[in-house]
Amino acid sequence: MNTPTHQKSAEFNVPLSKEERLQRLFSETKKNTHLPYFNPQEQFIAGFGNKDSKIVFIGEAPGKEESIQGKPFVGKSGKLLSELLLQHGIKREELYITNVVKYRPPNNKTPDYAECMAWASACLHEELSIIQPQIIVTLGACATKVFFGKKIQMSLLQGTIQQFNNFCIVPAFHPAFLLRNRTKITEMQKTLTLIQKL
């Protein structure tokens, strides 16, 4: 029996790993010139950390130090976050940390609601779909508004447990806010105790 020369051996479709899916997502997002703060001169700061983590921390956007080192939360606010996490027995290397906006806004401008939503639609929601965390900690109003709308009050939501689709979300103060308002660190510590229990 003659076998056709064009016949190929069966190929198995191997699912992409989380790392591969994230790299593809970030690669596509980098090409989206319509996104707010798109700037090929700036470094694209992708999410970083344990891709299998059950906890994801989300900030608003990279700052100067983040744009230099290429990782989220490595400046002054990141160091404060690391210290607070360590105090509560939460190892930063076990977490996945990202920002809504992946480029540094000029002069560290705070992204507005529409800008955050554009980035969430283009990247963040898919990023979370890939990681599949059990708990999402939104650091500050920008990240929290992505899930709960423009008119939220951080003072009311901070330290509470909220549901969004299949995610358990705990809004928390952004560490940059805590650097300016150190009296609020106690409240953040209570929030981290809650996260530790969860």
N, C-alpha and C. Protein backbone atom coordinates (compact mmCIF):
# COMPACT_ATOMS: atom_id res chain seq x y z
N MET A 1 0.85 -1.20 0.00
CA MET A 1 0.00 0.00 0.00
C MET A 1 0.89 1.25 0.00
N ASN A 2 0.65 2.13 -0.95
CA ASN A 2 1.44 3.35 -1.04
C ASN A 2 0.89 4.43 -0.12
N THR A 3 1.78 5.09 0.62
CA THR A 3 1.39 6.18 1.51
C THR A 3 1.63 7.50 0.80
N PRO A 4 0.62 8.37 0.73
CA PRO A 4 0.81 9.66 0.07
C PRO A 4 1.98 10.42 0.67
N THR A 5 2.78 11.01 -0.20
CA THR A 5 3.99 11.70 0.27
C THR A 5 3.66 12.95 1.10
N HIS A 6 2.43 13.51 0.92
CA HIS A 6 2.10 14.73 1.64
C HIS A 6 1.55 14.44 3.03
N GLN A 7 1.33 13.19 3.36
CA GLN A 7 0.74 12.85 4.64
C GLN A 7 1.73 13.15 5.77
N LYS A 8 1.24 13.78 6.84
CA LYS A 8 2.09 14.13 7.97
C LYS A 8 1.68 13.35 9.20
N SER A 9 2.61 13.21 10.11
CA SER A 9 2.28 12.55 11.37
C SER A 9 1.34 13.43 12.17
N ALA A 10 0.54 12.79 13.01
CA ALA A 10 -0.44 13.53 13.81
C ALA A 10 0.27 14.52 14.73
N GLU A 11 -0.26 15.72 14.81
CA GLU A 11 0.31 16.74 15.67
C GLU A 11 -0.64 17.00 16.83
N PHE A 12 -0.08 17.09 18.00
CA PHE A 12 -0.89 17.34 19.18
C PHE A 12 -0.87 18.82 19.52
N ASN A 13 -2.04 19.35 19.80
CA ASN A 13 -2.13 20.76 20.20
C ASN A 13 -1.78 20.87 21.68
N VAL A 14 -0.60 21.36 21.97
CA VAL A 14 -0.16 21.51 23.35
C VAL A 14 -0.58 22.90 23.84
N PRO A 15 -1.35 22.95 24.94
CA PRO A 15 -1.79 24.26 25.45
C PRO A 15 -0.59 25.13 25.82
N LEU A 16 -0.74 26.42 25.58
CA LEU A 16 0.32 27.34 25.96
C LEU A 16 0.38 27.47 27.48
N SER A 17 1.56 27.66 28.00
CA SER A 17 1.73 27.87 29.44
C SER A 17 1.25 29.28 29.79
N LYS A 18 1.08 29.53 31.08
CA LYS A 18 0.69 30.87 31.52
C LYS A 18 1.72 31.90 31.07
N GLU A 19 3.00 31.54 31.19
CA GLU A 19 4.07 32.44 30.80
C GLU A 19 3.97 32.79 29.31
N GLU A 20 3.72 31.79 28.49
CA GLU A 20 3.61 32.01 27.04
C GLU A 20 2.39 32.86 26.71
N ARG A 21 1.28 32.59 27.39
CA ARG A 21 0.06 33.37 27.14
C ARG A 21 0.24 34.82 27.56
N LEU A 22 0.91 35.04 28.68
CA LEU A 22 1.16 36.40 29.14
C LEU A 22 2.09 37.14 28.19
N GLN A 23 3.14 36.46 27.74
CA GLN A 23 4.07 37.09 26.81
C GLN A 23 3.38 37.49 25.52
N ARG A 24 2.49 36.64 25.05
CA ARG A 24 1.73 36.96 23.84
C ARG A 24 0.81 38.15 24.07
N LEU A 25 0.14 38.17 25.23
CA LEU A 25 -0.74 39.29 25.57
C LEU A 25 0.04 40.59 25.64
N PHE A 26 1.17 40.58 26.34
CA PHE A 26 1.96 41.80 26.49
C PHE A 26 2.53 42.26 25.14
N SER A 27 2.93 41.30 24.32
CA SER A 27 3.47 41.64 23.00
C SER A 27 2.41 42.33 22.15
N GLU A 28 1.18 41.84 22.21
CA GLU A 28 0.08 42.44 21.45
C GLU A 28 -0.27 43.82 22.01
N THR A 29 -0.25 43.94 23.34
CA THR A 29 -0.60 45.22 23.97
C THR A 29 0.41 46.30 23.64
N LYS A 30 1.68 45.92 23.55
CA LYS A 30 2.73 46.89 23.21
C LYS A 30 2.51 47.52 21.84
N LYS A 31 1.81 46.81 20.97
CA LYS A 31 1.58 47.31 19.61
C LYS A 31 0.35 48.21 19.51
N ASN A 32 -0.41 48.31 20.61
CA ASN A 32 -1.65 49.07 20.60
C ASN A 32 -1.34 50.56 20.80
N THR A 33 -1.21 51.25 19.70
CA THR A 33 -0.82 52.67 19.73
C THR A 33 -1.95 53.57 20.22
N HIS A 34 -3.17 53.02 20.36
CA HIS A 34 -4.31 53.83 20.77
C HIS A 34 -4.44 53.91 22.30
N LEU A 35 -3.66 53.12 23.01
CA LEU A 35 -3.77 53.12 24.46
C LEU A 35 -3.19 54.41 25.05
N PRO A 36 -3.82 54.92 26.11
CA PRO A 36 -3.29 56.12 26.76
C PRO A 36 -1.85 55.89 27.23
N TYR A 37 -1.02 56.90 27.07
CA TYR A 37 0.38 56.90 27.49
C TYR A 37 1.27 55.97 26.67
N PHE A 38 0.75 55.48 25.54
CA PHE A 38 1.60 54.67 24.67
C PHE A 38 2.84 55.48 24.33
N ASN A 39 4.00 54.89 24.58
CA ASN A 39 5.25 55.62 24.33
C ASN A 39 6.37 54.61 24.14
N PRO A 40 6.76 54.33 22.91
CA PRO A 40 7.83 53.35 22.66
C PRO A 40 9.17 53.76 23.26
N GLN A 41 9.29 55.04 23.68
CA GLN A 41 10.52 55.49 24.33
C GLN A 41 10.55 55.07 25.81
N GLU A 42 9.38 54.76 26.34
CA GLU A 42 9.28 54.31 27.73
C GLU A 42 9.27 52.79 27.77
N GLN A 43 9.70 52.24 28.87
CA GLN A 43 9.69 50.79 29.03
C GLN A 43 8.28 50.31 29.39
N PHE A 44 7.83 49.26 28.74
CA PHE A 44 6.54 48.64 29.04
C PHE A 44 6.74 47.78 30.29
N ILE A 45 6.00 48.10 31.35
CA ILE A 45 6.19 47.41 32.63
C ILE A 45 5.11 46.35 32.80
N ALA A 46 5.46 45.13 32.46
CA ALA A 46 4.51 44.02 32.54
C ALA A 46 4.36 43.56 33.99
N GLY A 47 3.33 42.77 34.23
CA GLY A 47 3.15 42.16 35.55
C GLY A 47 4.33 41.25 35.86
N PHE A 48 4.60 41.08 37.15
CA PHE A 48 5.79 40.33 37.54
C PHE A 48 5.50 39.49 38.78
N GLY A 49 6.08 38.29 38.81
CA GLY A 49 5.95 37.45 40.01
C GLY A 49 5.49 36.05 39.70
N ASN A 50 4.94 35.41 40.70
CA ASN A 50 4.51 34.02 40.61
C ASN A 50 3.23 33.91 39.77
N LYS A 51 3.34 33.28 38.62
CA LYS A 51 2.19 33.17 37.70
C LYS A 51 1.10 32.25 38.25
N ASP A 52 1.44 31.43 39.25
CA ASP A 52 0.46 30.53 39.86
C ASP A 52 -0.03 31.04 41.22
N SER A 53 0.27 32.29 41.51
CA SER A 53 -0.12 32.85 42.80
C SER A 53 -1.63 32.92 42.94
N LYS A 54 -2.10 32.71 44.15
CA LYS A 54 -3.53 32.82 44.45
C LYS A 54 -3.91 34.26 44.78
N ILE A 55 -2.87 35.13 44.92
CA ILE A 55 -3.12 36.54 45.24
C ILE A 55 -2.44 37.43 44.20
N VAL A 56 -3.18 38.39 43.67
CA VAL A 56 -2.64 39.38 42.75
C VAL A 56 -2.83 40.76 43.33
N PHE A 57 -1.77 41.56 43.35
CA PHE A 57 -1.85 42.96 43.76
C PHE A 57 -1.82 43.82 42.50
N ILE A 58 -2.73 44.80 42.43
CA ILE A 58 -2.82 45.67 41.26
C ILE A 58 -2.70 47.13 41.66
N GLY A 59 -1.73 47.83 41.08
CA GLY A 59 -1.58 49.26 41.29
C GLY A 59 -2.11 50.04 40.10
N GLU A 60 -1.77 51.32 40.02
CA GLU A 60 -2.32 52.15 38.95
C GLU A 60 -1.40 52.24 37.74
N ALA A 61 -0.13 52.59 37.96
CA ALA A 61 0.80 52.79 36.83
C ALA A 61 2.23 52.83 37.35
N PRO A 62 3.21 52.56 36.49
CA PRO A 62 4.61 52.61 36.92
C PRO A 62 5.05 54.04 37.22
N GLY A 63 6.02 54.15 38.12
CA GLY A 63 6.66 55.43 38.39
C GLY A 63 8.05 55.46 37.78
N LYS A 64 8.85 56.44 38.19
CA LYS A 64 10.18 56.61 37.61
C LYS A 64 11.07 55.39 37.84
N GLU A 65 11.12 54.91 39.08
CA GLU A 65 12.00 53.79 39.41
C GLU A 65 11.56 52.52 38.69
N GLU A 66 10.24 52.34 38.57
CA GLU A 66 9.72 51.17 37.86
C GLU A 66 10.12 51.19 36.39
N SER A 67 10.07 52.37 35.79
CA SER A 67 10.43 52.49 34.37
C SER A 67 11.92 52.25 34.14
N ILE A 68 12.71 52.46 35.18
CA ILE A 68 14.15 52.20 35.08
C ILE A 68 14.45 50.71 35.25
N GLN A 69 13.86 50.10 36.28
CA GLN A 69 14.16 48.71 36.60
C GLN A 69 13.32 47.71 35.81
N GLY A 70 12.20 48.18 35.25
CA GLY A 70 11.38 47.29 34.42
C GLY A 70 10.48 46.36 35.20
N LYS A 71 10.22 46.67 36.47
CA LYS A 71 9.34 45.85 37.30
C LYS A 71 8.39 46.75 38.07
N PRO A 72 7.18 46.27 38.38
CA PRO A 72 6.24 47.08 39.15
C PRO A 72 6.61 47.13 40.63
N PHE A 73 6.32 48.27 41.27
CA PHE A 73 6.47 48.45 42.71
C PHE A 73 7.89 48.16 43.20
N VAL A 74 8.85 48.89 42.65
CA VAL A 74 10.23 48.76 43.12
C VAL A 74 10.78 50.09 43.63
N GLY A 75 9.95 51.14 43.60
CA GLY A 75 10.37 52.44 44.13
C GLY A 75 10.07 52.54 45.62
N LYS A 76 9.92 53.75 46.13
CA LYS A 76 9.67 53.96 47.55
C LYS A 76 8.38 53.29 48.00
N SER A 77 7.32 53.43 47.21
CA SER A 77 6.05 52.82 47.60
C SER A 77 6.14 51.30 47.56
N GLY A 78 6.91 50.77 46.60
CA GLY A 78 7.09 49.32 46.52
C GLY A 78 7.84 48.78 47.72
N LYS A 79 8.84 49.54 48.18
CA LYS A 79 9.60 49.11 49.36
C LYS A 79 8.72 49.10 50.60
N LEU A 80 7.85 50.10 50.72
CA LEU A 80 6.92 50.12 51.85
C LEU A 80 5.97 48.93 51.77
N LEU A 81 5.47 48.64 50.58
CA LEU A 81 4.58 47.49 50.40
C LEU A 81 5.29 46.21 50.82
N SER A 82 6.53 46.03 50.40
CA SER A 82 7.29 44.83 50.74
C SER A 82 7.47 44.69 52.25
N GLU A 83 7.74 45.82 52.92
CA GLU A 83 7.92 45.81 54.38
C GLU A 83 6.63 45.40 55.07
N LEU A 84 5.51 45.96 54.62
CA LEU A 84 4.22 45.64 55.24
C LEU A 84 3.83 44.18 55.00
N LEU A 85 4.09 43.70 53.79
CA LEU A 85 3.80 42.30 53.49
C LEU A 85 4.61 41.37 54.38
N LEU A 86 5.89 41.69 54.55
CA LEU A 86 6.79 40.86 55.34
C LEU A 86 6.34 40.81 56.80
N GLN A 87 5.85 41.94 57.30
CA GLN A 87 5.35 41.99 58.68
C GLN A 87 4.18 41.04 58.90
N HIS A 88 3.48 40.73 57.82
CA HIS A 88 2.30 39.86 57.93
C HIS A 88 2.56 38.46 57.37
N GLY A 89 3.82 38.15 57.20
CA GLY A 89 4.17 36.80 56.77
C GLY A 89 3.81 36.50 55.33
N ILE A 90 3.62 37.55 54.52
CA ILE A 90 3.30 37.37 53.11
C ILE A 90 4.56 37.64 52.30
N LYS A 91 5.08 36.63 51.65
CA LYS A 91 6.31 36.78 50.89
C LYS A 91 6.02 37.35 49.51
N ARG A 92 6.67 38.45 49.19
CA ARG A 92 6.42 39.13 47.92
C ARG A 92 6.70 38.22 46.72
N GLU A 93 7.73 37.37 46.83
CA GLU A 93 8.08 36.50 45.71
C GLU A 93 7.01 35.45 45.41
N GLU A 94 6.09 35.28 46.35
CA GLU A 94 5.00 34.32 46.13
C GLU A 94 3.80 34.96 45.44
N LEU A 95 3.85 36.29 45.29
CA LEU A 95 2.72 37.03 44.73
C LEU A 95 2.94 37.35 43.26
N TYR A 96 1.85 37.77 42.61
CA TYR A 96 1.94 38.35 41.27
C TYR A 96 1.49 39.79 41.42
N ILE A 97 2.33 40.73 40.95
CA ILE A 97 2.05 42.16 41.10
C ILE A 97 2.06 42.82 39.74
N THR A 98 1.06 43.66 39.50
CA THR A 98 0.95 44.32 38.20
C THR A 98 0.33 45.71 38.38
N ASN A 99 0.22 46.45 37.30
CA ASN A 99 -0.45 47.74 37.28
C ASN A 99 -1.54 47.72 36.21
N VAL A 100 -2.52 48.59 36.36
CA VAL A 100 -3.54 48.73 35.32
C VAL A 100 -2.88 49.27 34.06
N VAL A 101 -2.20 50.41 34.18
CA VAL A 101 -1.48 51.04 33.07
C VAL A 101 -0.05 50.52 33.08
N LYS A 102 0.46 50.19 31.90
CA LYS A 102 1.78 49.56 31.84
C LYS A 102 2.92 50.50 31.40
N TYR A 103 2.58 51.74 31.02
CA TYR A 103 3.60 52.74 30.70
C TYR A 103 3.55 53.84 31.76
N ARG A 104 4.70 54.42 32.05
CA ARG A 104 4.73 55.51 33.02
C ARG A 104 4.08 56.76 32.43
N PRO A 105 3.04 57.31 33.08
CA PRO A 105 2.45 58.55 32.60
C PRO A 105 3.42 59.72 32.79
N PRO A 106 3.39 60.70 31.90
CA PRO A 106 4.28 61.86 32.03
C PRO A 106 4.08 62.55 33.38
N ASN A 107 5.20 62.89 34.02
CA ASN A 107 5.17 63.58 35.32
C ASN A 107 4.39 62.80 36.38
N ASN A 108 4.35 61.49 36.22
CA ASN A 108 3.64 60.62 37.16
C ASN A 108 2.17 61.02 37.33
N LYS A 109 1.56 61.48 36.26
CA LYS A 109 0.14 61.84 36.28
C LYS A 109 -0.71 60.65 36.70
N THR A 110 -1.74 60.91 37.48
CA THR A 110 -2.66 59.85 37.87
C THR A 110 -3.61 59.56 36.72
N PRO A 111 -3.65 58.33 36.22
CA PRO A 111 -4.56 58.01 35.11
C PRO A 111 -6.02 58.23 35.52
N ASP A 112 -6.81 58.78 34.61
CA ASP A 112 -8.23 58.97 34.94
C ASP A 112 -9.01 57.69 34.65
N TYR A 113 -10.29 57.73 34.96
CA TYR A 113 -11.12 56.53 34.88
C TYR A 113 -11.16 55.94 33.47
N ALA A 114 -11.37 56.80 32.47
CA ALA A 114 -11.45 56.33 31.08
C ALA A 114 -10.14 55.69 30.64
N GLU A 115 -9.03 56.27 31.06
CA GLU A 115 -7.72 55.73 30.69
C GLU A 115 -7.49 54.37 31.34
N CYS A 116 -7.88 54.24 32.59
CA CYS A 116 -7.74 52.95 33.28
C CYS A 116 -8.62 51.89 32.64
N MET A 117 -9.82 52.26 32.26
CA MET A 117 -10.74 51.30 31.65
C MET A 117 -10.24 50.85 30.29
N ALA A 118 -9.61 51.76 29.55
CA ALA A 118 -9.05 51.39 28.24
C ALA A 118 -7.96 50.34 28.42
N TRP A 119 -7.12 50.52 29.42
CA TRP A 119 -6.05 49.55 29.69
C TRP A 119 -6.60 48.24 30.23
N ALA A 120 -7.63 48.34 31.06
CA ALA A 120 -8.23 47.12 31.62
C ALA A 120 -8.81 46.25 30.51
N SER A 121 -9.49 46.89 29.56
CA SER A 121 -10.08 46.16 28.45
C SER A 121 -9.02 45.56 27.54
N ALA A 122 -7.93 46.30 27.34
CA ALA A 122 -6.89 45.86 26.41
C ALA A 122 -5.98 44.80 27.00
N CYS A 123 -5.80 44.83 28.33
CA CYS A 123 -4.77 43.95 28.90
C CYS A 123 -5.14 43.33 30.25
N LEU A 124 -5.54 44.15 31.22
CA LEU A 124 -5.65 43.67 32.60
C LEU A 124 -6.62 42.51 32.77
N HIS A 125 -7.82 42.62 32.19
CA HIS A 125 -8.81 41.56 32.37
C HIS A 125 -8.30 40.23 31.83
N GLU A 126 -7.64 40.26 30.69
CA GLU A 126 -7.07 39.03 30.12
C GLU A 126 -5.91 38.53 30.98
N GLU A 127 -5.13 39.46 31.50
CA GLU A 127 -4.02 39.10 32.39
C GLU A 127 -4.52 38.32 33.60
N LEU A 128 -5.60 38.81 34.19
CA LEU A 128 -6.18 38.14 35.36
C LEU A 128 -6.80 36.80 34.98
N SER A 129 -7.38 36.73 33.79
CA SER A 129 -7.95 35.49 33.30
C SER A 129 -6.88 34.41 33.15
N ILE A 130 -5.68 34.82 32.81
CA ILE A 130 -4.58 33.87 32.66
C ILE A 130 -4.05 33.43 34.03
N ILE A 131 -3.84 34.39 34.93
CA ILE A 131 -3.30 34.07 36.26
C ILE A 131 -4.31 33.27 37.09
N GLN A 132 -5.59 33.63 37.00
CA GLN A 132 -6.65 32.97 37.76
C GLN A 132 -6.41 32.99 39.28
N PRO A 133 -6.26 34.19 39.85
CA PRO A 133 -6.07 34.27 41.31
C PRO A 133 -7.39 34.04 42.05
N GLN A 134 -7.27 33.76 43.33
CA GLN A 134 -8.46 33.66 44.18
C GLN A 134 -8.78 35.01 44.80
N ILE A 135 -7.71 35.79 45.07
CA ILE A 135 -7.87 37.09 45.73
C ILE A 135 -7.16 38.16 44.91
N ILE A 136 -7.84 39.27 44.68
CA ILE A 136 -7.24 40.42 44.01
C ILE A 136 -7.23 41.58 45.00
N VAL A 137 -6.05 42.16 45.22
CA VAL A 137 -5.93 43.32 46.09
C VAL A 137 -5.72 44.54 45.19
N THR A 138 -6.69 45.44 45.17
CA THR A 138 -6.57 46.64 44.35
C THR A 138 -5.97 47.75 45.20
N LEU A 139 -4.81 48.23 44.80
CA LEU A 139 -4.09 49.25 45.56
C LEU A 139 -4.45 50.64 45.05
N GLY A 140 -5.29 51.33 45.77
CA GLY A 140 -5.67 52.68 45.39
C GLY A 140 -6.93 52.76 44.56
N ALA A 141 -7.39 54.00 44.36
CA ALA A 141 -8.67 54.23 43.70
C ALA A 141 -8.66 53.83 42.23
N CYS A 142 -7.56 54.10 41.52
CA CYS A 142 -7.53 53.80 40.08
C CYS A 142 -7.81 52.33 39.81
N ALA A 143 -7.10 51.46 40.50
CA ALA A 143 -7.29 50.02 40.29
C ALA A 143 -8.66 49.56 40.78
N THR A 144 -9.14 50.16 41.85
CA THR A 144 -10.43 49.77 42.41
C THR A 144 -11.58 50.17 41.50
N LYS A 145 -11.48 51.35 40.88
CA LYS A 145 -12.53 51.83 39.99
C LYS A 145 -12.71 50.94 38.77
N VAL A 146 -11.65 50.27 38.35
CA VAL A 146 -11.74 49.37 37.20
C VAL A 146 -12.81 48.31 37.42
N PHE A 147 -12.98 47.91 38.67
CA PHE A 147 -13.94 46.85 38.99
C PHE A 147 -15.28 47.37 39.50
N PHE A 148 -15.27 48.52 40.18
CA PHE A 148 -16.49 48.95 40.86
C PHE A 148 -17.03 50.31 40.43
N GLY A 149 -16.44 50.87 39.37
CA GLY A 149 -17.01 52.09 38.82
C GLY A 149 -16.35 53.37 39.31
N LYS A 150 -16.71 54.44 38.64
CA LYS A 150 -16.04 55.73 38.81
C LYS A 150 -16.30 56.39 40.16
N LYS A 151 -17.44 56.11 40.78
CA LYS A 151 -17.86 56.89 41.94
C LYS A 151 -17.56 56.21 43.29
N ILE A 152 -16.61 55.31 43.31
CA ILE A 152 -16.31 54.61 44.56
C ILE A 152 -15.61 55.54 45.55
N GLN A 153 -15.70 55.22 46.83
CA GLN A 153 -14.99 55.94 47.88
C GLN A 153 -14.03 54.97 48.56
N MET A 154 -12.74 55.20 48.39
CA MET A 154 -11.74 54.29 48.95
C MET A 154 -11.86 54.18 50.47
N SER A 155 -12.24 55.27 51.12
CA SER A 155 -12.33 55.25 52.58
C SER A 155 -13.39 54.25 53.06
N LEU A 156 -14.39 54.01 52.21
CA LEU A 156 -15.45 53.06 52.57
C LEU A 156 -15.13 51.64 52.13
N LEU A 157 -14.47 51.51 50.97
CA LEU A 157 -14.19 50.17 50.42
C LEU A 157 -12.91 49.55 50.99
N GLN A 158 -11.97 50.38 51.42
CA GLN A 158 -10.68 49.90 51.90
C GLN A 158 -10.89 48.89 53.03
N GLY A 159 -10.25 47.72 52.86
CA GLY A 159 -10.31 46.71 53.91
C GLY A 159 -11.57 45.87 53.94
N THR A 160 -12.39 45.96 52.90
CA THR A 160 -13.61 45.14 52.82
C THR A 160 -13.41 44.03 51.79
N ILE A 161 -14.26 43.03 51.87
CA ILE A 161 -14.21 41.93 50.91
C ILE A 161 -15.35 42.12 49.92
N GLN A 162 -15.02 42.20 48.64
CA GLN A 162 -16.00 42.41 47.58
C GLN A 162 -15.93 41.26 46.58
N GLN A 163 -17.01 41.05 45.86
CA GLN A 163 -17.05 40.02 44.82
C GLN A 163 -17.17 40.67 43.45
N PHE A 164 -16.40 40.19 42.51
CA PHE A 164 -16.49 40.64 41.12
C PHE A 164 -16.31 39.42 40.24
N ASN A 165 -17.37 39.04 39.56
CA ASN A 165 -17.37 37.79 38.80
C ASN A 165 -16.95 36.65 39.73
N ASN A 166 -15.89 35.93 39.41
CA ASN A 166 -15.45 34.83 40.27
C ASN A 166 -14.30 35.23 41.18
N PHE A 167 -14.00 36.52 41.24
CA PHE A 167 -12.87 36.98 42.03
C PHE A 167 -13.32 37.55 43.37
N CYS A 168 -12.51 37.32 44.38
CA CYS A 168 -12.67 37.96 45.68
C CYS A 168 -11.73 39.16 45.67
N ILE A 169 -12.27 40.36 45.80
CA ILE A 169 -11.46 41.57 45.69
C ILE A 169 -11.42 42.31 47.03
N VAL A 170 -10.20 42.68 47.43
CA VAL A 170 -10.00 43.44 48.66
C VAL A 170 -9.34 44.78 48.29
N PRO A 171 -10.10 45.86 48.26
CA PRO A 171 -9.50 47.18 48.01
C PRO A 171 -8.61 47.59 49.18
N ALA A 172 -7.49 48.22 48.87
CA ALA A 172 -6.55 48.66 49.90
C ALA A 172 -5.92 49.98 49.48
N PHE A 173 -5.41 50.71 50.47
CA PHE A 173 -4.74 51.97 50.16
C PHE A 173 -3.48 51.72 49.35
N HIS A 174 -3.21 52.61 48.41
CA HIS A 174 -1.97 52.53 47.64
C HIS A 174 -0.81 52.93 48.56
N PRO A 175 0.32 52.20 48.49
CA PRO A 175 1.44 52.56 49.35
C PRO A 175 1.95 53.99 49.17
N ALA A 176 1.80 54.56 47.97
CA ALA A 176 2.21 55.95 47.77
C ALA A 176 1.35 56.88 48.64
N PHE A 177 0.07 56.54 48.77
CA PHE A 177 -0.84 57.30 49.65
C PHE A 177 -0.39 57.16 51.10
N LEU A 178 0.04 55.95 51.48
CA LEU A 178 0.48 55.72 52.86
C LEU A 178 1.75 56.49 53.19
N LEU A 179 2.62 56.67 52.19
CA LEU A 179 3.83 57.46 52.41
C LEU A 179 3.49 58.91 52.75
N ARG A 180 2.39 59.40 52.19
CA ARG A 180 1.95 60.77 52.46
C ARG A 180 1.04 60.86 53.68
N ASN A 181 0.44 59.73 54.05
CA ASN A 181 -0.52 59.70 55.16
C ASN A 181 -0.20 58.51 56.06
N ARG A 182 0.89 58.64 56.80
CA ARG A 182 1.39 57.49 57.57
C ARG A 182 0.43 57.05 58.68
N THR A 183 -0.49 57.90 59.07
CA THR A 183 -1.46 57.50 60.10
C THR A 183 -2.41 56.42 59.56
N LYS A 184 -2.47 56.27 58.24
CA LYS A 184 -3.35 55.28 57.63
C LYS A 184 -2.69 53.89 57.54
N ILE A 185 -1.40 53.81 57.89
CA ILE A 185 -0.70 52.53 57.79
C ILE A 185 -1.36 51.48 58.69
N THR A 186 -1.87 51.91 59.84
CA THR A 186 -2.55 50.97 60.75
C THR A 186 -3.73 50.31 60.06
N GLU A 187 -4.49 51.09 59.29
CA GLU A 187 -5.63 50.53 58.57
C GLU A 187 -5.16 49.53 57.51
N MET A 188 -4.05 49.86 56.84
CA MET A 188 -3.50 48.96 55.84
C MET A 188 -3.03 47.66 56.50
N GLN A 189 -2.48 47.75 57.69
CA GLN A 189 -2.04 46.56 58.40
C GLN A 189 -3.22 45.64 58.72
N LYS A 190 -4.34 46.25 59.07
CA LYS A 190 -5.56 45.45 59.33
C LYS A 190 -6.03 44.77 58.06
N THR A 191 -5.91 45.47 56.93
CA THR A 191 -6.31 44.89 55.64
C THR A 191 -5.41 43.71 55.29
N LEU A 192 -4.13 43.83 55.53
CA LEU A 192 -3.20 42.74 55.25
C LEU A 192 -3.44 41.55 56.17
N THR A 193 -3.85 41.81 57.41
CA THR A 193 -4.23 40.72 58.31
C THR A 193 -5.44 39.97 57.76
N LEU A 194 -6.40 40.73 57.22
CA LEU A 194 -7.57 40.11 56.61
C LEU A 194 -7.17 39.25 55.41
N ILE A 195 -6.29 39.78 54.57
CA ILE A 195 -5.83 39.03 53.40
C ILE A 195 -5.10 37.76 53.83
N GLN A 196 -4.31 37.87 54.87
CA GLN A 196 -3.57 36.71 55.39
C GLN A 196 -4.55 35.62 55.83
N LYS A 197 -5.64 36.01 56.48
CA LYS A 197 -6.65 35.05 56.91
C LYS A 197 -7.37 34.41 55.74
N LEU A 198 -7.64 35.22 54.72
CA LEU A 198 -8.31 34.68 53.53
C LEU A 198 -7.45 33.63 52.84
